[in-house]
PDB file of N, CA and C in Angstrom:
ATOM      1  N   MET A   1       0.588 -35.354  -7.590  1.00  0.00           N
ATOM      2  CA  MET A   1      -0.789 -35.747  -7.751  1.00  0.00           C
ATOM      3  C   MET A   1      -1.484 -35.058  -8.916  1.00  0.00           C
ATOM      4  N   GLU A   2      -2.212 -35.831  -9.666  1.00  0.00           N
ATOM      5  CA  GLU A   2      -2.905 -35.193 -10.842  1.00  0.00           C
ATOM      6  C   GLU A   2      -4.059 -34.345 -10.406  1.00  0.00           C
ATOM      7  N   SER A   3      -4.350 -33.323 -11.160  1.00  0.00           N
ATOM      8  CA  SER A   3      -5.441 -32.554 -10.877  1.00  0.00           C
ATOM      9  C   SER A   3      -6.745 -33.253 -11.323  1.00  0.00           C
ATOM     10  N   LEU A   4      -7.930 -32.876 -10.710  1.00  0.00           N
ATOM     11  CA  LEU A   4      -9.156 -33.472 -11.158  1.00  0.00           C
ATOM     12  C   LEU A   4      -9.431 -33.255 -12.634  1.00  0.00           C
ATOM     13  N   THR A   5      -9.105 -32.019 -13.120  1.00  0.00           N
ATOM     14  CA  THR A   5      -9.278 -31.817 -14.494  1.00  0.00           C
ATOM     15  C   THR A   5      -8.525 -32.793 -15.389  1.00  0.00           C
ATOM     16  N   HIS A   6      -7.266 -32.935 -15.063  1.00  0.00           N
ATOM     17  CA  HIS A   6      -6.389 -33.873 -15.852  1.00  0.00           C
ATOM     18  C   HIS A   6      -6.927 -35.244 -15.707  1.00  0.00           C
ATOM     19  N   THR A   7      -7.343 -35.659 -14.470  1.00  0.00           N
ATOM     20  CA  THR A   7      -7.861 -37.045 -14.387  1.00  0.00           C
ATOM     21  C   THR A   7      -9.103 -37.212 -15.243  1.00  0.00           C
ATOM     22  N   PHE A   8     -10.020 -36.285 -15.211  1.00  0.00           N
ATOM     23  CA  PHE A   8     -11.140 -36.487 -16.092  1.00  0.00           C
ATOM     24  C   PHE A   8     -10.775 -36.421 -17.625  1.00  0.00           C
ATOM     25  N   ALA A   9      -9.841 -35.754 -17.920  1.00  0.00           N
ATOM     26  CA  ALA A   9      -9.354 -35.787 -19.333  1.00  0.00           C
ATOM     27  C   ALA A   9      -8.866 -37.123 -19.778  1.00  0.00           C
ATOM     28  N   ILE A  10      -8.133 -37.744 -18.843  1.00  0.00           N
ATOM     29  CA  ILE A  10      -7.606 -39.135 -19.052  1.00  0.00           C
ATOM     30  C   ILE A  10      -8.809 -40.130 -19.228  1.00  0.00           C
ATOM     31  N   LYS A  11      -9.774 -39.958 -18.245  1.00  0.00           N
ATOM     32  CA  LYS A  11     -10.938 -40.820 -18.318  1.00  0.00           C
ATOM     33  C   LYS A  11     -11.712 -40.716 -19.600  1.00  0.00           C
ATOM     34  N   ALA A  12     -11.930 -39.432 -19.986  1.00  0.00           N
ATOM     35  CA  ALA A  12     -12.634 -39.212 -21.283  1.00  0.00           C
ATOM     36  C   ALA A  12     -11.914 -39.757 -22.407  1.00  0.00           C
ATOM     37  N   LEU A  13     -10.610 -39.608 -22.416  1.00  0.00           N
ATOM     38  CA  LEU A  13      -9.781 -40.090 -23.533  1.00  0.00           C
ATOM     39  C   LEU A  13      -9.829 -41.673 -23.695  1.00  0.00           C
ATOM     40  N   LEU A  14      -9.795 -42.319 -22.474  1.00  0.00           N
ATOM     41  CA  LEU A  14      -9.899 -43.742 -22.462  1.00  0.00           C
ATOM     42  C   LEU A  14     -11.260 -44.235 -23.011  1.00  0.00           C
ATOM     43  N   ILE A  15     -12.323 -43.443 -22.579  1.00  0.00           N
ATOM     44  CA  ILE A  15     -13.649 -43.859 -23.041  1.00  0.00           C
ATOM     45  C   ILE A  15     -13.778 -43.636 -24.535  1.00  0.00           C
ATOM     46  N   LEU A  16     -13.213 -42.492 -24.986  1.00  0.00           N
ATOM     47  CA  LEU A  16     -13.319 -42.216 -26.413  1.00  0.00           C
ATOM     48  C   LEU A  16     -12.566 -43.319 -27.303  1.00  0.00           C
ATOM     49  N   LEU A  17     -11.431 -43.713 -26.778  1.00  0.00           N
ATOM     50  CA  LEU A  17     -10.590 -44.541 -27.602  1.00  0.00           C
ATOM     51  C   LEU A  17     -11.054 -46.042 -27.458  1.00  0.00           C
ATOM     52  N   ARG A  18     -11.905 -46.269 -26.410  1.00  0.00           N
ATOM     53  CA  ARG A  18     -12.371 -47.688 -26.250  1.00  0.00           C
ATOM     54  C   ARG A  18     -13.046 -48.310 -27.382  1.00  0.00           C
ATOM     55  N   GLU A  19     -13.463 -47.395 -28.332  1.00  0.00           N
ATOM     56  CA  GLU A  19     -14.193 -47.961 -29.472  1.00  0.00           C
ATOM     57  C   GLU A  19     -13.353 -48.775 -30.463  1.00  0.00           C
ATOM     58  N   GLY A  20     -12.048 -48.758 -30.100  1.00  0.00           N
ATOM     59  CA  GLY A  20     -11.188 -49.751 -30.839  1.00  0.00           C
ATOM     60  C   GLY A  20     -10.547 -49.151 -32.074  1.00  0.00           C
ATOM     61  N   ARG A  21     -10.672 -47.849 -32.318  1.00  0.00           N
ATOM     62  CA  ARG A  21     -10.201 -47.359 -33.524  1.00  0.00           C
ATOM     63  C   ARG A  21      -9.109 -46.278 -33.187  1.00  0.00           C
ATOM     64  N   SER A  22      -8.135 -46.073 -34.006  1.00  0.00           N
ATOM     65  CA  SER A  22      -7.149 -44.986 -33.702  1.00  0.00           C
ATOM     66  C   SER A  22      -7.753 -43.661 -34.224  1.00  0.00           C
ATOM     67  N   MET A  23      -7.373 -42.596 -33.542  1.00  0.00           N
ATOM     68  CA  MET A  23      -7.824 -41.331 -33.871  1.00  0.00           C
ATOM     69  C   MET A  23      -6.734 -40.314 -33.850  1.00  0.00           C
ATOM     70  N   SER A  24      -6.706 -39.271 -34.530  1.00  0.00           N
ATOM     71  CA  SER A  24      -5.657 -38.260 -34.446  1.00  0.00           C
ATOM     72  C   SER A  24      -5.920 -37.418 -33.237  1.00  0.00           C
ATOM     73  N   VAL A  25      -4.878 -36.835 -32.728  1.00  0.00           N
ATOM     74  CA  VAL A  25      -4.938 -35.965 -31.568  1.00  0.00           C
ATOM     75  C   VAL A  25      -5.961 -34.852 -31.791  1.00  0.00           C
ATOM     76  N   GLU A  26      -5.970 -34.338 -32.988  1.00  0.00           N
ATOM     77  CA  GLU A  26      -6.921 -33.278 -33.339  1.00  0.00           C
ATOM     78  C   GLU A  26      -8.379 -33.741 -33.224  1.00  0.00           C
ATOM     79  N   ALA A  27      -8.664 -34.874 -33.727  1.00  0.00           N
ATOM     80  CA  ALA A  27     -10.036 -35.378 -33.659  1.00  0.00           C
ATOM     81  C   ALA A  27     -10.344 -35.701 -32.160  1.00  0.00           C
ATOM     82  N   ILE A  28      -9.502 -36.226 -31.448  1.00  0.00           N
ATOM     83  CA  ILE A  28      -9.780 -36.515 -30.009  1.00  0.00           C
ATOM     84  C   ILE A  28     -10.060 -35.167 -29.327  1.00  0.00           C
ATOM     85  N   ALA A  29      -9.296 -34.224 -29.439  1.00  0.00           N
ATOM     86  CA  ALA A  29      -9.549 -32.872 -28.858  1.00  0.00           C
ATOM     87  C   ALA A  29     -10.848 -32.323 -29.263  1.00  0.00           C
ATOM     88  N   SER A  30     -11.266 -32.418 -30.551  1.00  0.00           N
ATOM     89  CA  SER A  30     -12.507 -31.939 -31.003  1.00  0.00           C
ATOM     90  C   SER A  30     -13.663 -32.648 -30.387  1.00  0.00           C
ATOM     91  N   SER A  31     -13.459 -34.003 -30.319  1.00  0.00           N
ATOM     92  CA  SER A  31     -14.657 -34.803 -29.693  1.00  0.00           C
ATOM     93  C   SER A  31     -14.809 -34.521 -28.251  1.00  0.00           C
ATOM     94  N   MET A  32     -13.663 -34.273 -27.590  1.00  0.00           N
ATOM     95  CA  MET A  32     -13.712 -34.036 -26.084  1.00  0.00           C
ATOM     96  C   MET A  32     -14.088 -32.616 -25.821  1.00  0.00           C
ATOM     97  N   GLY A  33     -14.045 -31.699 -26.834  1.00  0.00           N
ATOM     98  CA  GLY A  33     -14.240 -30.290 -26.564  1.00  0.00           C
ATOM     99  C   GLY A  33     -13.205 -29.689 -25.713  1.00  0.00           C
ATOM    100  N   GLU A  34     -12.003 -30.158 -25.822  1.00  0.00           N
ATOM    101  CA  GLU A  34     -10.843 -29.739 -24.973  1.00  0.00           C
ATOM    102  C   GLU A  34      -9.729 -29.191 -25.919  1.00  0.00           C
ATOM    103  N   PRO A  35      -8.967 -28.273 -25.376  1.00  0.00           N
ATOM    104  CA  PRO A  35      -7.826 -27.749 -26.250  1.00  0.00           C
ATOM    105  C   PRO A  35      -6.859 -28.835 -26.524  1.00  0.00           C
ATOM    106  N   GLN A  36      -6.280 -28.773 -27.720  1.00  0.00           N
ATOM    107  CA  GLN A  36      -5.350 -29.821 -28.237  1.00  0.00           C
ATOM    108  C   GLN A  36      -4.163 -29.926 -27.251  1.00  0.00           C
ATOM    109  N   GLY A  37      -3.674 -28.836 -26.612  1.00  0.00           N
ATOM    110  CA  GLY A  37      -2.598 -28.948 -25.727  1.00  0.00           C
ATOM    111  C   GLY A  37      -2.848 -29.787 -24.498  1.00  0.00           C
ATOM    112  N   SER A  38      -4.136 -29.761 -24.005  1.00  0.00           N
ATOM    113  CA  SER A  38      -4.644 -30.533 -22.865  1.00  0.00           C
ATOM    114  C   SER A  38      -4.673 -31.980 -23.218  1.00  0.00           C
ATOM    115  N   VAL A  39      -5.075 -32.227 -24.431  1.00  0.00           N
ATOM    116  CA  VAL A  39      -5.162 -33.607 -24.868  1.00  0.00           C
ATOM    117  C   VAL A  39      -3.837 -34.182 -25.123  1.00  0.00           C
ATOM    118  N   VAL A  40      -2.846 -33.409 -25.584  1.00  0.00           N
ATOM    119  CA  VAL A  40      -1.482 -33.970 -25.739  1.00  0.00           C
ATOM    120  C   VAL A  40      -0.953 -34.286 -24.370  1.00  0.00           C
ATOM    121  N   HIS A  41      -1.184 -33.420 -23.442  1.00  0.00           N
ATOM    122  CA  HIS A  41      -0.610 -33.658 -22.069  1.00  0.00           C
ATOM    123  C   HIS A  41      -1.290 -34.953 -21.549  1.00  0.00           C
ATOM    124  N   SER A  42      -2.534 -35.199 -21.742  1.00  0.00           N
ATOM    125  CA  SER A  42      -3.224 -36.431 -21.334  1.00  0.00           C
ATOM    126  C   SER A  42      -2.617 -37.641 -22.047  1.00  0.00           C
ATOM    127  N   ILE A  43      -2.430 -37.509 -23.336  1.00  0.00           N
ATOM    128  CA  ILE A  43      -1.891 -38.657 -24.134  1.00  0.00           C
ATOM    129  C   ILE A  43      -0.495 -38.992 -23.602  1.00  0.00           C
ATOM    130  N   ASP A  44       0.279 -37.934 -23.245  1.00  0.00           N
ATOM    131  CA  ASP A  44       1.607 -38.241 -22.652  1.00  0.00           C
ATOM    132  C   ASP A  44       1.582 -39.068 -21.420  1.00  0.00           C
ATOM    133  N   ALA A  45       0.642 -38.640 -20.511  1.00  0.00           N
ATOM    134  CA  ALA A  45       0.497 -39.360 -19.273  1.00  0.00           C
ATOM    135  C   ALA A  45      -0.081 -40.775 -19.516  1.00  0.00           C
ATOM    136  N   LEU A  46      -0.914 -40.969 -20.466  1.00  0.00           N
ATOM    137  CA  LEU A  46      -1.431 -42.233 -20.768  1.00  0.00           C
ATOM    138  C   LEU A  46      -0.359 -43.162 -21.377  1.00  0.00           C
ATOM    139  N   ARG A  47       0.422 -42.527 -22.213  1.00  0.00           N
ATOM    140  CA  ARG A  47       1.568 -43.210 -22.892  1.00  0.00           C
ATOM    141  C   ARG A  47       2.570 -43.731 -21.817  1.00  0.00           C
ATOM    142  N   ASP A  48       2.853 -42.854 -20.962  1.00  0.00           N
ATOM    143  CA  ASP A  48       3.768 -43.229 -19.803  1.00  0.00           C
ATOM    144  C   ASP A  48       3.202 -44.411 -18.956  1.00  0.00           C
ATOM    145  N   ALA A  49       1.922 -44.420 -18.824  1.00  0.00           N
ATOM    146  CA  ALA A  49       1.246 -45.535 -18.122  1.00  0.00           C
ATOM    147  C   ALA A  49       1.092 -46.777 -18.878  1.00  0.00           C
ATOM    148  N   GLY A  50       1.371 -46.726 -20.169  1.00  0.00           N
ATOM    149  CA  GLY A  50       1.304 -47.910 -20.989  1.00  0.00           C
ATOM    150  C   GLY A  50      -0.106 -48.262 -21.516  1.00  0.00           C
ATOM    151  N   VAL A  51      -0.956 -47.286 -21.487  1.00  0.00           N
ATOM    152  CA  VAL A  51      -2.376 -47.569 -21.873  1.00  0.00           C
ATOM    153  C   VAL A  51      -2.685 -47.010 -23.271  1.00  0.00           C
ATOM    154  N   VAL A  52      -1.882 -46.214 -23.894  1.00  0.00           N
ATOM    155  CA  VAL A  52      -2.091 -45.889 -25.276  1.00  0.00           C
ATOM    156  C   VAL A  52      -0.730 -45.891 -25.992  1.00  0.00           C
ATOM    157  N   ILE A  53      -0.815 -46.032 -27.323  1.00  0.00           N
ATOM    158  CA  ILE A  53       0.314 -45.779 -28.184  1.00  0.00           C
ATOM    159  C   ILE A  53      -0.011 -44.702 -29.144  1.00  0.00           C
ATOM    160  N   ALA A  54       0.936 -43.970 -29.538  1.00  0.00           N
ATOM    161  CA  ALA A  54       0.717 -42.870 -30.475  1.00  0.00           C
ATOM    162  C   ALA A  54       1.792 -43.038 -31.602  1.00  0.00           C
ATOM    163  N   LYS A  55       1.328 -43.115 -32.806  1.00  0.00           N
ATOM    164  CA  LYS A  55       2.203 -43.313 -33.918  1.00  0.00           C
ATOM    165  C   LYS A  55       2.050 -42.022 -34.899  1.00  0.00           C
ATOM    166  N   THR A  56       3.217 -41.582 -35.365  1.00  0.00           N
ATOM    167  CA  THR A  56       3.241 -40.547 -36.363  1.00  0.00           C
ATOM    168  C   THR A  56       2.868 -41.045 -37.594  1.00  0.00           C
ATOM    169  N   ARG A  57       1.949 -40.384 -38.354  1.00  0.00           N
ATOM    170  CA  ARG A  57       1.535 -40.846 -39.657  1.00  0.00           C
ATOM    171  C   ARG A  57       2.685 -40.655 -40.695  1.00  0.00           C
ATOM    172  N   ARG A  58       2.719 -41.609 -41.479  1.00  0.00           N
ATOM    173  CA  ARG A  58       3.865 -41.668 -42.576  1.00  0.00           C
ATOM    174  C   ARG A  58       3.531 -40.388 -43.419  1.00  0.00           C
ATOM    175  N   GLY A  59       4.487 -39.654 -43.714  1.00  0.00           N
ATOM    176  CA  GLY A  59       4.368 -38.461 -44.527  1.00  0.00           C
ATOM    177  C   GLY A  59       3.675 -37.248 -43.970  1.00  0.00           C
ATOM    178  N   GLU A  60       3.270 -37.414 -42.716  1.00  0.00           N
ATOM    179  CA  GLU A  60       2.627 -36.240 -41.978  1.00  0.00           C
ATOM    180  C   GLU A  60       3.347 -36.157 -40.594  1.00  0.00           C
ATOM    181  N   PRO A  61       4.477 -35.660 -40.488  1.00  0.00           N
ATOM    182  CA  PRO A  61       5.270 -35.643 -39.218  1.00  0.00           C
ATOM    183  C   PRO A  61       4.554 -34.939 -37.982  1.00  0.00           C
ATOM    184  N   TYR A  62       3.568 -34.177 -38.289  1.00  0.00           N
ATOM    185  CA  TYR A  62       2.966 -33.471 -37.087  1.00  0.00           C
ATOM    186  C   TYR A  62       1.608 -34.050 -36.730  1.00  0.00           C
ATOM    187  N   VAL A  63       1.247 -35.208 -37.366  1.00  0.00           N
ATOM    188  CA  VAL A  63      -0.045 -35.832 -37.164  1.00  0.00           C
ATOM    189  C   VAL A  63       0.199 -37.163 -36.365  1.00  0.00           C
ATOM    190  N   GLU A  64      -0.280 -37.313 -35.163  1.00  0.00           N
ATOM    191  CA  GLU A  64      -0.171 -38.704 -34.457  1.00  0.00           C
ATOM    192  C   GLU A  64      -1.507 -39.253 -34.341  1.00  0.00           C
ATOM    193  N   ASP A  65      -1.597 -40.575 -34.555  1.00  0.00           N
ATOM    194  CA  ASP A  65      -2.780 -41.417 -34.356  1.00  0.00           C
ATOM    195  C   ASP A  65      -2.589 -42.076 -33.107  1.00  0.00           C
ATOM    196  N   VAL A  66      -3.611 -42.073 -32.209  1.00  0.00           N
ATOM    197  CA  VAL A  66      -3.554 -42.629 -30.906  1.00  0.00           C
ATOM    198  C   VAL A  66      -4.521 -43.759 -30.802  1.00  0.00           C
ATOM    199  N   SER A  67      -4.079 -44.836 -30.134  1.00  0.00           N
ATOM    200  CA  SER A  67      -4.942 -46.017 -29.930  1.00  0.00           C
ATOM    201  C   SER A  67      -4.626 -46.663 -28.619  1.00  0.00           C
ATOM    202  N   LEU A  68      -5.533 -47.433 -28.193  1.00  0.00           N
ATOM    203  CA  LEU A  68      -5.291 -48.107 -26.902  1.00  0.00           C
ATOM    204  C   LEU A  68      -4.488 -49.341 -27.052  1.00  0.00           C
ATOM    205  N   THR A  69      -3.702 -49.571 -25.998  1.00  0.00           N
ATOM    206  CA  THR A  69      -2.975 -50.821 -25.881  1.00  0.00           C
ATOM    207  C   THR A  69      -4.043 -51.913 -25.267  1.00  0.00           C
ATOM    208  N   PRO A  70      -3.574 -53.191 -25.202  1.00  0.00           N
ATOM    209  CA  PRO A  70      -4.426 -54.174 -24.578  1.00  0.00           C
ATOM    210  C   PRO A  70      -4.781 -53.694 -23.076  1.00  0.00           C
ATOM    211  N   LYS A  71      -3.722 -53.245 -22.437  1.00  0.00           N
ATOM    212  CA  LYS A  71      -3.885 -52.697 -21.047  1.00  0.00           C
ATOM    213  C   LYS A  71      -4.858 -51.610 -21.031  1.00  0.00           C
ATOM    214  N   GLY A  72      -4.813 -50.694 -21.958  1.00  0.00           N
ATOM    215  CA  GLY A  72      -5.733 -49.489 -22.048  1.00  0.00           C
ATOM    216  C   GLY A  72      -7.118 -49.920 -22.231  1.00  0.00           C
ATOM    217  N   LYS A  73      -7.309 -51.012 -23.107  1.00  0.00           N
ATOM    218  CA  LYS A  73      -8.736 -51.473 -23.313  1.00  0.00           C
ATOM    219  C   LYS A  73      -9.302 -51.998 -21.976  1.00  0.00           C
ATOM    220  N   ILE A  74      -8.561 -52.710 -21.316  1.00  0.00           N
ATOM    221  CA  ILE A  74      -8.964 -53.226 -19.908  1.00  0.00           C
ATOM    222  C   ILE A  74      -9.391 -52.036 -19.037  1.00  0.00           C
ATOM    223  N   ALA A  75      -8.507 -51.010 -18.950  1.00  0.00           N
ATOM    224  CA  ALA A  75      -8.752 -49.857 -18.127  1.00  0.00           C
ATOM    225  C   ALA A  75     -10.022 -49.130 -18.599  1.00  0.00           C
ATOM    226  N   ALA A  76     -10.243 -48.977 -19.874  1.00  0.00           N
ATOM    227  CA  ALA A  76     -11.446 -48.279 -20.364  1.00  0.00           C
ATOM    228  C   ALA A  76     -12.659 -49.080 -20.018  1.00  0.00           C
ATOM    229  N   GLU A  77     -12.671 -50.389 -20.140  1.00  0.00           N
ATOM    230  CA  GLU A  77     -13.765 -51.205 -19.817  1.00  0.00           C
ATOM    231  C   GLU A  77     -14.150 -51.067 -18.297  1.00  0.00           C
ATOM    232  N   LYS A  78     -13.099 -50.981 -17.504  1.00  0.00           N
ATOM    233  CA  LYS A  78     -13.193 -50.880 -16.049  1.00  0.00           C
ATOM    234  C   LYS A  78     -13.849 -49.571 -15.719  1.00  0.00           C
ATOM    235  N   LEU A  79     -13.451 -48.463 -16.465  1.00  0.00           N
ATOM    236  CA  LEU A  79     -14.081 -47.173 -16.159  1.00  0.00           C
ATOM    237  C   LEU A  79     -15.503 -47.094 -16.563  1.00  0.00           C
ATOM    238  N   LYS A  80     -15.900 -47.887 -17.688  1.00  0.00           N
ATOM    239  CA  LYS A  80     -17.334 -47.946 -17.926  1.00  0.00           C
ATOM    240  C   LYS A  80     -18.078 -48.650 -16.843  1.00  0.00           C
ATOM    241  N   GLU A  81     -17.561 -49.785 -16.333  1.00  0.00           N
ATOM    242  CA  GLU A  81     -18.214 -50.542 -15.267  1.00  0.00           C
ATOM    243  C   GLU A  81     -18.402 -49.643 -14.114  1.00  0.00           C
ATOM    244  N   ILE A  82     -17.450 -48.751 -13.702  1.00  0.00           N
ATOM    245  CA  ILE A  82     -17.515 -47.836 -12.531  1.00  0.00           C
ATOM    246  C   ILE A  82     -18.679 -46.927 -12.780  1.00  0.00           C
ATOM    247  N   GLU A  83     -18.586 -46.298 -14.013  1.00  0.00           N
ATOM    248  CA  GLU A  83     -19.684 -45.339 -14.263  1.00  0.00           C
ATOM    249  C   GLU A  83     -21.034 -45.953 -14.089  1.00  0.00           C
ATOM    250  N   ALA A  84     -21.185 -47.100 -14.716  1.00  0.00           N
ATOM    251  CA  ALA A  84     -22.534 -47.832 -14.499  1.00  0.00           C
ATOM    252  C   ALA A  84     -22.903 -48.155 -13.161  1.00  0.00           C
ATOM    253  N   ALA A  85     -21.846 -48.552 -12.304  1.00  0.00           N
ATOM    254  CA  ALA A  85     -22.205 -48.961 -10.941  1.00  0.00           C
ATOM    255  C   ALA A  85     -22.581 -47.691 -10.089  1.00  0.00           C
ATOM    256  N   ILE A  86     -22.054 -46.578 -10.453  1.00  0.00           N
ATOM    257  CA  ILE A  86     -22.353 -45.338  -9.534  1.00  0.00           C
ATOM    258  C   ILE A  86     -23.410 -44.390 -10.201  1.00  0.00           C
ATOM    259  N   GLY A  87     -23.859 -44.829 -11.415  1.00  0.00           N
ATOM    260  CA  GLY A  87     -24.925 -44.102 -12.038  1.00  0.00           C
ATOM    261  C   GLY A  87     -24.550 -42.789 -12.807  1.00  0.00           C
ATOM    262  N   TRP A  88     -23.267 -42.780 -13.221  1.00  0.00           N
ATOM    263  CA  TRP A  88     -22.937 -41.625 -13.962  1.00  0.00           C
ATOM    264  C   TRP A  88     -23.067 -41.715 -15.458  1.00  0.00           C
ATOM    265  N   MET A  89     -23.536 -42.843 -15.956  1.00  0.00           N
ATOM    266  CA  MET A  89     -23.715 -42.959 -17.439  1.00  0.00           C
ATOM    267  C   MET A  89     -24.583 -41.830 -18.006  1.00  0.00           C
ATOM    268  N   GLY A  90     -24.114 -41.218 -19.015  1.00  0.00           N
ATOM    269  CA  GLY A  90     -24.772 -40.149 -19.771  1.00  0.00           C
ATOM    270  C   GLY A  90     -24.812 -38.823 -19.146  1.00  0.00           C
ATOM    271  N   ARG A  91     -24.100 -38.652 -17.978  1.00  0.00           N
ATOM    272  CA  ARG A  91     -24.143 -37.394 -17.330  1.00  0.00           C
ATOM    273  C   ARG A  91     -22.698 -36.682 -17.473  1.00  0.00           C
ATOM    274  N   GLY A  92     -22.746 -35.827 -18.459  1.00  0.00           N
ATOM    275  CA  GLY A  92     -21.504 -35.039 -18.724  1.00  0.00           C
ATOM    276  C   GLY A  92     -20.384 -35.876 -19.289  1.00  0.00           C
ATOM    277  N   GLY A  93     -19.415 -35.297 -19.796  1.00  0.00           N
ATOM    278  CA  GLY A  93     -18.239 -36.018 -20.294  1.00  0.00           C
ATOM    279  C   GLY A  93     -18.620 -36.843 -21.543  1.00  0.00           C
ATOM    280  N   ILE A  94     -17.811 -37.810 -21.782  1.00  0.00           N
ATOM    281  CA  ILE A  94     -17.952 -38.718 -22.915  1.00  0.00           C
ATOM    282  C   ILE A  94     -18.203 -40.102 -22.406  1.00  0.00           C
ATOM    283  N   THR A  95     -19.444 -40.607 -22.606  1.00  0.00           N
ATOM    284  CA  THR A  95     -19.767 -41.953 -22.046  1.00  0.00           C
ATOM    285  C   THR A  95     -20.544 -42.759 -23.205  1.00  0.00           C
TER     286      THR A  95
END
């Protein structure tokens, strides 16, 4: 079972990426205010679930750009709907 901390990191990552643009792992970590290692762990879990893809930048072997898959976009939209339904919009995290 995932810890709550990890679950919230995945949620924040989906919301952040929902904007439809790819972002580097470093930029995601900075935007989330989370350590890069935690974000990498979240990305691995999301990749395993088929909701994100991560591609290594050409010429920069240590930089990955992460973006949502179609399945990930649907999941991110559902998370926003849930937040709106229970009144969590704008309270902590990335919304």
